[in-house]
N, C-alpha and C. Protein backbone atom coordinates (compact mmCIF):
# COMPACT_ATOMS: atom_id res chain seq x y z
N MET A 1 5.37 -37.96 18.00
CA MET A 1 5.12 -37.23 16.86
C MET A 1 4.05 -36.45 17.08
N ASN A 2 2.84 -37.03 17.56
CA ASN A 2 1.81 -36.15 17.96
C ASN A 2 1.94 -35.25 18.94
N ASN A 3 2.90 -35.40 20.02
CA ASN A 3 2.91 -34.69 21.13
C ASN A 3 3.90 -32.88 20.63
N ILE A 4 4.50 -33.55 19.68
CA ILE A 4 5.13 -32.15 18.63
C ILE A 4 3.87 -31.43 18.06
N LEU A 5 3.15 -32.25 17.20
CA LEU A 5 2.27 -31.58 16.19
C LEU A 5 1.31 -30.43 17.03
N SER A 6 0.80 -31.06 18.29
CA SER A 6 -0.03 -30.49 19.64
C SER A 6 0.47 -29.11 19.84
N PHE A 7 2.33 -29.38 20.13
CA PHE A 7 2.89 -28.22 20.51
C PHE A 7 2.94 -27.13 19.69
N PHE A 8 2.84 -27.69 18.08
CA PHE A 8 3.01 -26.62 17.51
C PHE A 8 1.52 -25.67 17.06
N VAL A 9 0.59 -26.68 17.09
CA VAL A 9 -0.55 -26.00 17.16
C VAL A 9 -0.75 -25.03 18.23
N GLU A 10 -0.85 -25.23 19.44
CA GLU A 10 -0.95 -24.43 20.56
C GLU A 10 0.07 -23.05 20.35
N LEU A 11 1.31 -23.51 19.72
CA LEU A 11 2.01 -22.33 19.43
C LEU A 11 1.56 -21.47 18.89
N LEU A 12 0.82 -22.13 17.85
CA LEU A 12 0.33 -21.12 16.83
C LEU A 12 -0.71 -20.35 17.38
N LYS A 13 -1.61 -20.93 18.24
CA LYS A 13 -3.12 -20.28 18.90
C LYS A 13 -2.39 -18.97 19.45
N VAL A 14 -1.09 -19.12 20.24
CA VAL A 14 -0.90 -18.29 21.08
C VAL A 14 -0.01 -17.04 20.03
N ALA A 15 0.80 -16.88 19.48
CA ALA A 15 1.26 -16.48 18.16
C ALA A 15 0.13 -15.62 17.53
N GLU A 16 -0.79 -16.19 17.11
CA GLU A 16 -2.16 -15.34 16.43
C GLU A 16 -2.71 -14.64 17.51
N LYS A 17 -2.61 -15.01 18.73
CA LYS A 17 -3.34 -14.03 19.97
C LYS A 17 -2.57 -12.84 19.97
N ILE A 18 -1.13 -13.14 20.25
CA ILE A 18 -0.21 -11.87 20.10
C ILE A 18 0.22 -10.95 19.10
N GLY A 19 -0.42 -11.88 17.69
CA GLY A 19 -0.07 -10.83 16.45
C GLY A 19 -1.54 -9.99 16.41
N ARG A 20 -2.67 -10.22 17.16
CA ARG A 20 -3.96 -9.20 17.01
C ARG A 20 -3.62 -8.55 17.71
N ARG A 21 -2.63 -8.62 19.05
CA ARG A 21 -2.62 -7.53 20.07
C ARG A 21 -1.65 -6.48 19.34
N ILE A 22 -0.66 -7.07 18.67
CA ILE A 22 0.49 -6.09 17.66
C ILE A 22 -0.41 -5.22 16.84
N ALA A 23 -1.06 -6.00 15.95
CA ALA A 23 -2.09 -5.33 15.31
C ALA A 23 -2.68 -4.25 15.73
N ALA A 24 -3.70 -4.44 16.72
CA ALA A 24 -4.50 -3.29 17.48
C ALA A 24 -3.32 -2.27 17.73
N LEU A 25 -2.10 -2.70 18.59
CA LEU A 25 -1.21 -1.67 18.98
C LEU A 25 -0.96 -0.91 17.53
N THR A 26 -0.23 -1.45 16.57
CA THR A 26 0.07 -0.51 15.43
C THR A 26 -0.81 0.09 14.80
N GLU A 27 -2.21 -0.32 14.99
CA GLU A 27 -3.30 0.34 14.06
C GLU A 27 -3.63 1.82 15.40
N ALA A 28 -3.33 1.60 16.41
CA ALA A 28 -3.65 2.83 17.51
C ALA A 28 -2.53 3.65 16.75
N ALA A 29 -1.38 3.12 17.02
CA ALA A 29 -0.29 3.90 16.45
C ALA A 29 -0.42 4.72 15.10
N ARG A 30 -0.67 4.22 14.14
CA ARG A 30 -1.06 4.92 12.81
C ARG A 30 -2.26 6.01 13.16
N LYS A 31 -3.02 5.57 13.76
CA LYS A 31 -4.20 6.71 14.22
C LYS A 31 -3.53 7.71 14.99
N ALA A 32 -2.89 7.97 15.78
CA ALA A 32 -1.95 8.75 16.59
C ALA A 32 -0.99 9.36 15.90
N GLY A 33 -0.76 8.89 14.33
CA GLY A 33 0.25 9.46 13.88
C GLY A 33 1.79 9.14 14.21
N ILE A 34 1.93 8.14 15.19
CA ILE A 34 3.14 7.54 15.59
C ILE A 34 3.70 6.53 14.44
N PRO A 35 4.85 6.65 14.04
CA PRO A 35 5.73 5.71 12.86
C PRO A 35 5.15 4.36 13.39
N VAL A 36 5.20 3.39 12.35
CA VAL A 36 5.31 2.26 12.72
C VAL A 36 6.64 1.55 11.75
N VAL A 37 7.33 1.07 12.31
CA VAL A 37 8.80 0.38 11.92
C VAL A 37 8.73 -1.11 11.79
N TYR A 38 9.20 -1.70 10.70
CA TYR A 38 9.49 -2.91 10.45
C TYR A 38 10.90 -2.97 9.93
N VAL A 39 11.62 -3.76 10.63
CA VAL A 39 13.02 -4.16 10.02
C VAL A 39 13.09 -6.00 10.06
N ASN A 40 13.91 -5.91 8.85
CA ASN A 40 14.23 -7.14 8.76
C ASN A 40 14.71 -8.11 9.55
N ASP A 41 14.21 -9.24 9.93
CA ASP A 41 14.75 -10.33 11.15
C ASP A 41 14.32 -11.83 10.29
N ASN A 42 14.82 -12.00 9.10
CA ASN A 42 14.78 -13.31 8.71
C ASN A 42 15.70 -14.20 8.83
N PHE A 43 15.71 -14.67 9.95
CA PHE A 43 16.50 -16.01 10.14
C PHE A 43 17.61 -15.84 9.80
N GLY A 44 18.42 -14.74 10.01
CA GLY A 44 20.19 -14.85 9.53
C GLY A 44 19.86 -14.10 8.22
N LYS A 45 19.00 -14.10 7.24
CA LYS A 45 19.09 -13.56 6.00
C LYS A 45 19.23 -12.31 6.03
N TRP A 46 19.99 -11.31 6.54
CA TRP A 46 19.64 -10.02 6.93
C TRP A 46 19.44 -9.20 5.50
N LYS A 47 19.86 -9.31 4.32
CA LYS A 47 20.01 -8.63 3.42
C LYS A 47 18.48 -9.13 2.41
N SER A 48 17.66 -10.08 2.60
CA SER A 48 17.01 -10.54 1.89
C SER A 48 15.49 -9.28 1.97
N ASP A 49 14.76 -9.37 0.61
CA ASP A 49 14.01 -8.43 0.35
C ASP A 49 12.87 -8.55 1.43
N PHE A 50 12.12 -7.44 2.23
CA PHE A 50 11.25 -7.66 3.02
C PHE A 50 9.97 -8.02 2.20
N HIS A 51 9.93 -7.48 1.27
CA HIS A 51 8.53 -7.58 0.18
C HIS A 51 8.45 -9.02 0.01
N ASN A 52 9.40 -9.69 -0.80
CA ASN A 52 9.46 -10.78 -0.92
C ASN A 52 9.45 -11.82 0.25
N VAL A 53 9.68 -11.24 0.97
CA VAL A 53 9.88 -12.51 2.26
C VAL A 53 8.14 -12.40 2.41
N ILE A 54 7.37 -11.76 2.83
CA ILE A 54 6.00 -11.37 2.92
C ILE A 54 5.30 -12.03 1.85
N GLU A 55 5.55 -11.64 0.69
CA GLU A 55 4.82 -12.35 -0.49
C GLU A 55 4.78 -14.11 -0.48
N TYR A 56 5.94 -14.43 -0.28
CA TYR A 56 6.55 -15.83 -0.31
C TYR A 56 5.63 -16.46 0.79
N VAL A 57 5.60 -16.27 1.89
CA VAL A 57 4.65 -16.72 3.36
C VAL A 57 3.38 -16.37 2.89
N ILE A 58 2.74 -15.75 1.99
CA ILE A 58 1.59 -15.50 1.99
C ILE A 58 0.99 -16.21 1.08
N ASN A 59 1.66 -16.10 0.02
CA ASN A 59 1.40 -16.88 -1.73
C ASN A 59 1.72 -18.03 -1.41
N GLU A 60 2.76 -18.61 -0.86
CA GLU A 60 2.67 -20.23 -0.71
C GLU A 60 2.29 -20.80 0.46
N ASN A 61 1.27 -20.03 1.05
CA ASN A 61 0.69 -20.72 2.41
C ASN A 61 1.44 -21.48 3.00
N LYS A 62 2.46 -20.61 3.58
CA LYS A 62 3.35 -21.03 4.90
C LYS A 62 2.55 -20.94 6.01
N PRO A 63 2.95 -21.75 7.47
CA PRO A 63 2.44 -21.68 8.69
C PRO A 63 2.38 -20.17 9.13
N GLY A 64 3.25 -19.26 8.22
CA GLY A 64 3.10 -18.00 9.44
C GLY A 64 2.11 -16.85 8.55
N LYS A 65 1.27 -17.58 7.36
CA LYS A 65 0.39 -16.91 6.78
C LYS A 65 -0.43 -15.92 7.50
N PRO A 66 -1.24 -16.37 8.28
CA PRO A 66 -1.94 -15.50 9.15
C PRO A 66 -1.50 -14.47 9.69
N LEU A 67 0.00 -14.33 10.49
CA LEU A 67 0.37 -13.62 11.00
C LEU A 67 0.69 -12.48 9.85
N ALA A 68 1.42 -13.09 8.83
CA ALA A 68 2.09 -12.32 7.61
C ALA A 68 0.97 -11.45 7.13
N GLU A 69 -0.15 -11.95 6.93
CA GLU A 69 -1.35 -11.44 6.36
C GLU A 69 -1.95 -9.97 7.56
N LEU A 70 -2.02 -10.40 8.84
CA LEU A 70 -2.40 -9.49 9.91
C LEU A 70 -1.39 -8.51 9.82
N LEU A 71 -0.19 -8.66 10.09
CA LEU A 71 0.97 -7.86 10.26
C LEU A 71 1.80 -7.17 9.13
N GLN A 72 1.35 -7.26 8.18
CA GLN A 72 2.06 -6.67 7.02
C GLN A 72 2.12 -5.18 6.78
N PRO A 73 3.08 -4.74 6.19
CA PRO A 73 2.92 -3.08 6.60
C PRO A 73 2.06 -2.66 5.56
N GLN A 74 1.77 -1.37 6.17
CA GLN A 74 1.08 -0.65 5.37
C GLN A 74 1.88 0.26 4.06
N ASP A 75 1.14 1.49 3.47
CA ASP A 75 2.13 1.74 2.57
C ASP A 75 3.00 3.07 3.48
N ASN A 76 2.65 3.81 4.25
CA ASN A 76 3.12 4.68 5.23
C ASN A 76 3.95 4.36 6.11
N ASP A 77 4.22 2.86 6.29
CA ASP A 77 5.02 2.51 7.53
C ASP A 77 6.29 2.51 7.10
N CYS A 78 7.08 2.49 7.82
CA CYS A 78 8.70 2.80 7.96
C CYS A 78 9.33 1.30 7.57
N LYS A 79 10.07 1.01 6.62
CA LYS A 79 10.49 -0.39 6.37
C LYS A 79 12.25 -0.29 6.26
N PHE A 80 12.74 -0.83 7.30
CA PHE A 80 14.30 -0.71 7.09
C PHE A 80 15.24 -1.80 6.84
N GLU A 81 15.22 -2.30 5.34
CA GLU A 81 15.54 -3.12 4.63
C GLU A 81 17.13 -3.29 4.72
N SER A 82 17.71 -1.96 4.78
CA SER A 82 19.03 -1.81 4.27
C SER A 82 19.59 -1.83 5.58
N ILE A 83 19.22 -1.95 6.48
CA ILE A 83 20.03 -1.90 8.19
C ILE A 83 20.36 -3.47 7.97
N GLU A 84 21.77 -3.46 8.11
CA GLU A 84 21.90 -5.15 8.39
C GLU A 84 22.15 -5.26 10.36
N LYS A 85 21.45 -6.21 10.65
CA LYS A 85 21.45 -6.82 11.77
C LYS A 85 22.35 -7.95 11.86
N ARG A 86 23.28 -7.63 12.58
CA ARG A 86 24.31 -9.02 12.33
C ARG A 86 24.02 -10.19 13.57
N LYS A 87 23.31 -9.53 14.84
CA LYS A 87 23.36 -10.42 15.82
C LYS A 87 21.50 -10.43 16.15
N ALA A 88 21.39 -11.41 16.80
CA ALA A 88 20.13 -11.68 17.22
C ALA A 88 19.14 -11.23 18.25
N TYR A 89 20.40 -10.01 18.74
CA TYR A 89 20.00 -9.45 20.16
C TYR A 89 21.14 -8.22 19.88
N LEU A 90 20.38 -7.07 20.76
CA LEU A 90 21.09 -5.84 20.84
C LEU A 90 22.15 -5.66 21.24
N LEU A 91 22.30 -6.11 22.24
CA LEU A 91 24.07 -5.75 23.01
C LEU A 91 24.68 -7.09 22.47
N TYR A 92 26.00 -6.96 22.06
CA TYR A 92 26.70 -8.10 22.02
C TYR A 92 28.10 -7.71 22.31
C-alpha cells in the first residue's frame, strides 16, 4: 500500500509540473491573441457541465484541485461543452 501512495505522490508532482508549463503556455497564447480552447473530457461523461466539474473538484477539495485552480478557463477562452467526444482518441 505504501508503494501505491508514494507512486501517486510522485505522479501528482509530475502533473503539477506539467500543469505549470501548460499554464505558462496558455498565458503566452492569451497575450499573443491566440485562442485557448478547452474541451470536456470528463472520464466518459461527455455531456457533463464543464463549469460544474471544475467547481466540484475545487470546492470538494479533490486531488486535482491544484491543477483545476491553475488551469481553469478564463472568461475569454473557448469552451466546447456541446461537442460530444465518443472515443478517448482521435482516430477510430
